[in-house]
Amino acid sequence: MESKITLIPDQIIQFVNFINECCCVMEDEYVGEWICLPHGFLNNLTPFEEFSQHGTEKLYRLLYFIDKDEADLID
């Protein structure tokens, strides 16, 4: 799967911090693919779309639930 991710400069640090948190919850090699997959918890938006449209609040909640085995990595 090939996707292009575009960030505005003000979002770069916040996005990198989010990616680092993803790496704590899942295998590093999978993060790039995961952020481009739609997820039911995000109303079928991809994590990147959720980040771009709404910020990180819901994404960090999803990562918390994934880490606690209360949500699936892929939904």
Protein backbone atom coordinates (compact mmCIF):
# COMPACT_ATOMS: atom_id res chain seq x y z
CA MET A 1 0.00 0.00 0.00
CA GLU A 2 1.35 3.40 -0.93
CA SER A 3 -0.03 6.60 0.58
CA LYS A 4 1.13 10.18 0.60
CA ILE A 5 0.99 12.01 3.92
CA THR A 6 1.06 15.79 3.92
CA LEU A 7 1.47 17.78 7.13
CA ILE A 8 1.43 21.48 7.77
CA PRO A 9 4.58 22.58 9.62
CA ASP A 10 2.71 23.32 12.86
CA GLN A 11 1.56 19.67 13.05
CA ILE A 12 4.92 17.94 12.62
CA ILE A 13 5.96 17.68 16.29
CA GLN A 14 2.49 16.57 17.39
CA PHE A 15 2.43 13.95 14.61
CA VAL A 16 5.91 12.64 15.48
CA ASN A 17 4.89 12.35 19.13
CA PHE A 18 1.81 10.39 18.09
CA ILE A 19 3.90 8.06 15.90
CA ASN A 20 6.27 7.46 18.82
CA GLU A 21 3.28 6.45 20.97
CA CYS A 22 2.14 4.09 18.22
CA CYS A 23 5.56 2.42 18.34
CA CYS A 24 5.03 1.73 22.04
CA VAL A 25 1.77 -0.12 21.34
CA MET A 26 2.54 -2.02 18.12
CA GLU A 27 5.49 -3.29 16.12
CA ASP A 28 7.45 -0.40 14.62
CA GLU A 29 7.32 -1.96 11.15
CA TYR A 30 3.51 -1.91 11.20
CA VAL A 31 2.95 1.73 12.21
CA GLY A 32 3.25 3.17 8.69
CA GLU A 33 0.63 0.80 7.36
CA TRP A 34 -1.66 1.14 10.39
CA ILE A 35 -1.97 4.93 10.16
CA CYS A 36 -3.35 4.52 6.64
CA LEU A 37 -5.99 1.86 7.46
CA PRO A 38 -9.60 2.83 8.29
CA HIS A 39 -10.66 1.95 11.84
CA GLY A 40 -14.19 1.55 13.19
CA PHE A 41 -13.33 3.38 16.43
CA LEU A 42 -12.54 6.40 14.26
CA ASN A 43 -15.80 6.20 12.29
CA ASN A 44 -13.91 4.46 9.49
CA LEU A 45 -11.38 7.25 9.11
CA THR A 46 -7.73 6.30 8.97
CA PRO A 47 -5.66 7.38 11.98
CA PHE A 48 -3.95 9.93 9.73
CA GLU A 49 -7.30 11.35 8.57
CA GLU A 50 -8.45 11.55 12.20
CA PHE A 51 -5.23 13.36 13.10
CA SER A 52 -5.60 15.81 10.21
CA GLN A 53 -9.27 16.57 10.89
CA HIS A 54 -9.62 16.33 14.67
CA GLY A 55 -6.21 16.11 16.33
CA THR A 56 -4.97 13.38 18.62
CA GLU A 57 -7.48 13.04 21.47
CA LYS A 58 -9.43 10.13 20.00
CA LEU A 59 -6.23 8.56 18.63
CA TYR A 60 -4.61 8.44 22.06
CA ARG A 61 -7.79 6.88 23.46
CA LEU A 62 -7.64 4.24 20.73
CA LEU A 63 -3.98 3.50 21.48
CA TYR A 64 -4.85 3.17 25.18
CA PHE A 65 -7.59 0.65 24.43
CA ILE A 66 -5.35 -1.28 22.03
CA ASP A 67 -2.60 -1.40 24.67
CA LYS A 68 -5.09 -2.73 27.27
CA ASP A 69 -6.42 -5.32 24.76
CA GLU A 70 -9.82 -3.64 24.84
CA ALA A 71 -9.71 -2.67 21.14
CA ASP A 72 -8.34 -4.41 18.10
CA LEU A 73 -5.40 -3.07 16.17
CA ILE A 74 -7.39 -3.59 12.98
CA ASP A 75 -11.14 -3.10 13.09
